[in-house]
């Protein structure tokens, strides 16, 4: 443990003798000490009913930020357009059927990589994931949610007509959406568990023990 309150700073003034002493202190771990901006006693702020000085600590608790590199959003890719461009690019630079040397093989691979990179750059958008984002969410769920919300509004507008068919449509859409969400979450979790390696075992265990977050 380290002492955060500087040495020789008094923290008490005896009411009878007016002697300054230091019965109070502030300790913290060595790792946490660097987060202290200041730590001091303030005699002028002492309440009239006590002889202990208030000790005020200012601690910098702003967590360090981590830059999340943008990633390709493969899920939102229009694969029809992607394949169309890929086919057109391959026609412009057709690959030979056979290679006579290692250099030709490497050259062909380099041309193929360049073609794929151009197609990816054109059709696969970049997205910056938030640590709070729902990784299991899909474009299909977005559409289903919009449809459910639209039916919810229609059902509310027809609330005076108890037997209007829109109420049943909304009920089915709402229930189906709940089922779709559970299915998407379960599928994402299953995919994660199937890909767990030695470095992810601890993370998987913590997630299984933790409470649901969404």
Protein backbone atom coordinates (compact mmCIF):
# COMPACT_ATOMS: atom_id res chain seq x y z
CA UNK A 1 0.00 0.00 0.00
CA UNK A 2 1.09 3.56 -0.72
CA UNK A 3 0.26 6.77 1.13
CA UNK A 4 -1.73 9.16 -1.06
CA UNK A 5 -1.93 11.95 1.50
CA UNK A 6 1.41 13.81 1.46
CA UNK A 7 3.71 13.39 4.44
CA UNK A 8 3.41 15.81 7.43
CA UNK A 9 -0.07 17.05 6.46
CA UNK A 10 -2.08 17.30 9.74
CA UNK A 11 -5.60 15.91 9.79
CA UNK A 12 -6.76 16.87 13.31
CA UNK A 13 -6.63 19.86 15.61
CA UNK A 14 -7.20 18.99 19.29
CA UNK A 15 -9.89 21.25 20.71
CA UNK A 16 -8.23 21.59 24.10
CA UNK A 17 -4.53 21.90 23.30
CA UNK A 18 -4.83 23.01 19.66
CA UNK A 19 -2.12 20.50 18.81
CA UNK A 20 -2.02 19.39 15.20
CA UNK A 21 -1.80 15.64 14.73
CA UNK A 22 -2.36 13.11 12.01
CA UNK A 23 -4.58 10.21 13.08
CA UNK A 24 -6.19 9.97 9.64
CA UNK A 25 -4.52 8.86 6.45
CA UNK A 26 -5.30 7.83 2.89
CA UNK A 27 -3.84 4.64 1.47
CA UNK A 28 -4.15 3.02 -1.92
CA UNK A 29 -2.40 0.41 -4.01
CA UNK A 30 0.78 1.34 -5.83
CA UNK A 31 -0.96 0.86 -9.16
CA UNK A 32 -3.81 3.22 -8.22
CA UNK A 33 -1.57 5.98 -6.85
CA UNK A 34 -0.90 7.38 -10.31
CA UNK A 35 -4.62 8.15 -10.69
CA UNK A 36 -4.56 10.69 -7.83
CA UNK A 37 -4.62 14.27 -9.09
CA UNK A 38 -4.49 15.66 -5.55
CA UNK A 39 -5.04 14.56 -1.97
CA UNK A 40 -4.98 17.14 0.83
CA UNK A 41 -6.58 18.17 4.13
CA UNK A 42 -8.73 21.32 4.25
CA UNK A 43 -8.90 22.81 7.78
CA UNK A 44 -11.05 25.73 6.60
CA UNK A 45 -13.83 23.29 5.66
CA UNK A 46 -13.94 21.59 9.06
CA UNK A 47 -17.50 21.44 10.50
CA UNK A 48 -17.94 23.03 13.92
CA UNK A 49 -18.81 19.74 15.62
CA UNK A 50 -15.59 17.85 14.89
CA UNK A 51 -11.86 18.32 15.23
CA UNK A 52 -10.97 16.21 12.18
CA UNK A 53 -10.09 18.04 8.99
CA UNK A 54 -11.88 17.02 5.80
CA UNK A 55 -9.56 15.16 3.45
CA UNK A 56 -10.47 15.63 -0.19
CA UNK A 57 -9.03 13.47 -2.93
CA UNK A 58 -9.36 14.19 -6.62
CA UNK A 59 -8.91 11.04 -8.67
CA UNK A 60 -8.76 10.78 -12.44
CA UNK A 61 -11.10 7.87 -13.18
CA UNK A 62 -11.55 8.50 -16.89
CA UNK A 63 -10.97 5.09 -18.45
CA UNK A 64 -8.47 4.89 -21.30
CA UNK A 65 -10.08 4.76 -24.70
CA UNK A 66 -9.37 1.99 -27.14
CA UNK A 67 -9.55 2.73 -30.84
CA UNK A 68 -11.61 0.07 -32.56
CA UNK A 69 -10.40 -0.48 -36.09
CA UNK A 70 -13.17 -0.42 -38.72
CA UNK A 71 -14.08 -3.82 -40.10
CA UNK A 72 -15.73 -4.95 -43.29
CA UNK A 73 -19.47 -5.44 -42.93
CA UNK A 74 -19.77 -8.67 -44.89
CA UNK A 75 -23.28 -9.30 -43.62
CA UNK A 76 -24.65 -6.17 -45.30
CA UNK A 77 -22.89 -6.86 -48.61
CA UNK A 78 -24.95 -7.05 -51.80
CA UNK A 79 -23.48 -10.32 -53.01
CA UNK A 80 -25.25 -10.22 -56.37
CA UNK A 81 -23.53 -6.95 -57.25
CA UNK A 82 -20.28 -8.20 -55.74
CA UNK A 83 -20.29 -11.37 -57.89
CA UNK A 84 -21.32 -9.38 -60.95
CA UNK A 85 -18.32 -7.07 -60.60
CA UNK A 86 -16.03 -10.00 -59.82
CA UNK A 87 -17.09 -11.76 -63.02
CA UNK A 88 -16.58 -8.61 -65.09
CA UNK A 89 -13.12 -8.02 -63.59
CA UNK A 90 -12.07 -11.62 -64.27
CA UNK A 91 -13.09 -11.23 -67.92
CA UNK A 92 -10.89 -8.15 -68.19
CA UNK A 93 -7.91 -10.01 -66.72
CA UNK A 94 -8.54 -13.71 -67.40
CA UNK A 95 -6.38 -16.18 -65.53
CA UNK A 96 -4.53 -18.77 -67.59
CA UNK A 97 -5.44 -22.44 -67.25
CA UNK A 98 -1.92 -23.60 -66.41
CA UNK A 99 1.30 -22.15 -65.04
CA UNK A 100 4.79 -23.12 -66.14
CA UNK A 101 6.72 -21.77 -63.17
CA UNK A 102 6.46 -20.62 -59.58
CA UNK A 103 6.73 -17.01 -60.71
CA UNK A 104 3.67 -17.39 -62.93
CA UNK A 105 1.70 -18.96 -60.07
CA UNK A 106 2.61 -16.12 -57.72
CA UNK A 107 1.82 -13.57 -60.43
CA UNK A 108 -1.61 -15.12 -61.00
CA UNK A 109 -2.35 -15.09 -57.28
CA UNK A 110 -1.31 -11.45 -57.05
CA UNK A 111 -3.65 -10.50 -59.93
CA UNK A 112 -6.51 -12.47 -58.35
CA UNK A 113 -5.92 -10.80 -54.98
CA UNK A 114 -5.94 -7.38 -56.64
CA UNK A 115 -9.24 -8.14 -58.40
CA UNK A 116 -10.87 -9.34 -55.18
CA UNK A 117 -9.55 -6.31 -53.29
CA UNK A 118 -11.10 -3.94 -55.84
CA UNK A 119 -14.45 -5.71 -55.55
CA UNK A 120 -14.34 -5.66 -51.76
CA UNK A 121 -13.40 -1.98 -51.70
CA UNK A 122 -16.36 -1.21 -53.96
CA UNK A 123 -19.12 -3.33 -52.41
CA UNK A 124 -18.17 -4.20 -48.81
CA UNK A 125 -18.65 -1.19 -46.58
CA UNK A 126 -16.61 -0.45 -43.49
CA UNK A 127 -18.30 -0.40 -40.11
CA UNK A 128 -16.95 0.56 -36.70
CA UNK A 129 -18.36 -1.78 -34.09
CA UNK A 130 -19.42 -0.45 -30.73
CA UNK A 131 -18.62 -2.55 -27.67
CA UNK A 132 -22.31 -2.23 -26.81
CA UNK A 133 -23.61 -3.33 -30.18
CA UNK A 134 -25.66 -6.49 -30.54
CA UNK A 135 -23.43 -8.69 -32.66
CA UNK A 136 -26.27 -11.11 -33.26
CA UNK A 137 -28.51 -8.46 -34.86
CA UNK A 138 -29.29 -8.99 -38.54
CA UNK A 139 -30.83 -6.91 -41.36
CA UNK A 140 -33.79 -9.30 -41.27
CA UNK A 141 -34.43 -8.37 -37.64
CA UNK A 142 -34.32 -4.69 -38.57
CA UNK A 143 -37.03 -5.24 -41.19
CA UNK A 144 -39.10 -7.34 -38.79
CA UNK A 145 -38.82 -4.68 -36.10
CA UNK A 146 -39.96 -1.94 -38.47
CA UNK A 147 -42.92 -4.08 -39.57
CA UNK A 148 -43.83 -4.81 -35.96
CA UNK A 149 -43.64 -1.12 -35.02
CA UNK A 150 -45.81 -0.15 -38.00
CA UNK A 151 -48.46 -2.69 -36.98
CA UNK A 152 -48.24 -1.50 -33.38
CA UNK A 153 -49.08 2.03 -34.51
CA UNK A 154 -51.98 0.81 -36.65
CA UNK A 155 -53.29 -1.30 -33.79
CA UNK A 156 -53.15 1.68 -31.45
CA UNK A 157 -55.04 3.85 -33.89
CA UNK A 158 -57.76 1.18 -34.07
CA UNK A 159 -57.84 0.67 -30.30
CA UNK A 160 -61.54 1.57 -30.17
CA UNK A 161 -62.35 -1.25 -32.59
CA UNK A 162 -61.61 -4.28 -30.45
CA UNK A 163 -62.23 -6.84 -33.18
CA UNK A 164 -60.34 -5.12 -35.98
CA UNK A 165 -58.01 -7.63 -37.74
CA UNK A 166 -54.97 -5.37 -37.29
CA UNK A 167 -54.83 -6.30 -33.61
CA UNK A 168 -54.32 -9.96 -34.47
CA UNK A 169 -51.76 -9.04 -37.14
CA UNK A 170 -49.83 -7.02 -34.59
CA UNK A 171 -49.96 -9.84 -32.03
CA UNK A 172 -48.54 -12.34 -34.52
CA UNK A 173 -45.84 -9.92 -35.70
CA UNK A 174 -44.84 -9.18 -32.11
CA UNK A 175 -44.63 -12.85 -31.14
CA UNK A 176 -42.75 -13.76 -34.31
CA UNK A 177 -40.26 -10.98 -33.68
CA UNK A 178 -39.58 -12.30 -30.17
CA UNK A 179 -38.98 -15.78 -31.60
CA UNK A 180 -36.67 -14.40 -34.31
CA UNK A 181 -34.62 -12.46 -31.75
CA UNK A 182 -34.16 -15.54 -29.56
CA UNK A 183 -33.22 -17.60 -32.59
CA UNK A 184 -30.64 -15.06 -33.80
CA UNK A 185 -29.08 -14.77 -30.35
CA UNK A 186 -28.95 -18.53 -29.95
CA UNK A 187 -27.35 -19.00 -33.37
CA UNK A 188 -24.71 -16.36 -32.63
CA UNK A 189 -23.92 -17.93 -29.28
CA UNK A 190 -23.65 -21.39 -30.84
CA UNK A 191 -21.29 -20.08 -33.53
CA UNK A 192 -19.14 -18.47 -30.84
CA UNK A 193 -18.94 -21.64 -28.75
CA UNK A 194 -18.06 -23.76 -31.77
CA UNK A 195 -15.14 -21.45 -32.54
CA UNK A 196 -13.80 -21.20 -28.98
CA UNK A 197 -10.09 -21.95 -28.64
CA UNK A 198 -7.70 -21.97 -25.68
CA UNK A 199 -7.60 -18.17 -25.52
CA UNK A 200 -11.40 -17.82 -25.44
CA UNK A 201 -12.28 -20.44 -22.81
CA UNK A 202 -12.10 -17.96 -19.93
CA UNK A 203 -14.20 -15.40 -21.84
CA UNK A 204 -16.83 -18.03 -22.63
CA UNK A 205 -16.97 -19.07 -18.98
CA UNK A 206 -17.45 -15.48 -17.80
CA UNK A 207 -20.23 -14.92 -20.34
CA UNK A 208 -22.02 -18.08 -19.22
CA UNK A 209 -21.86 -17.02 -15.56
CA UNK A 210 -22.90 -13.42 -16.20
CA UNK A 211 -26.41 -12.03 -16.25
CA UNK A 212 -28.11 -11.19 -19.59
CA UNK A 213 -27.28 -7.71 -20.88
CA UNK A 214 -29.89 -7.32 -23.62
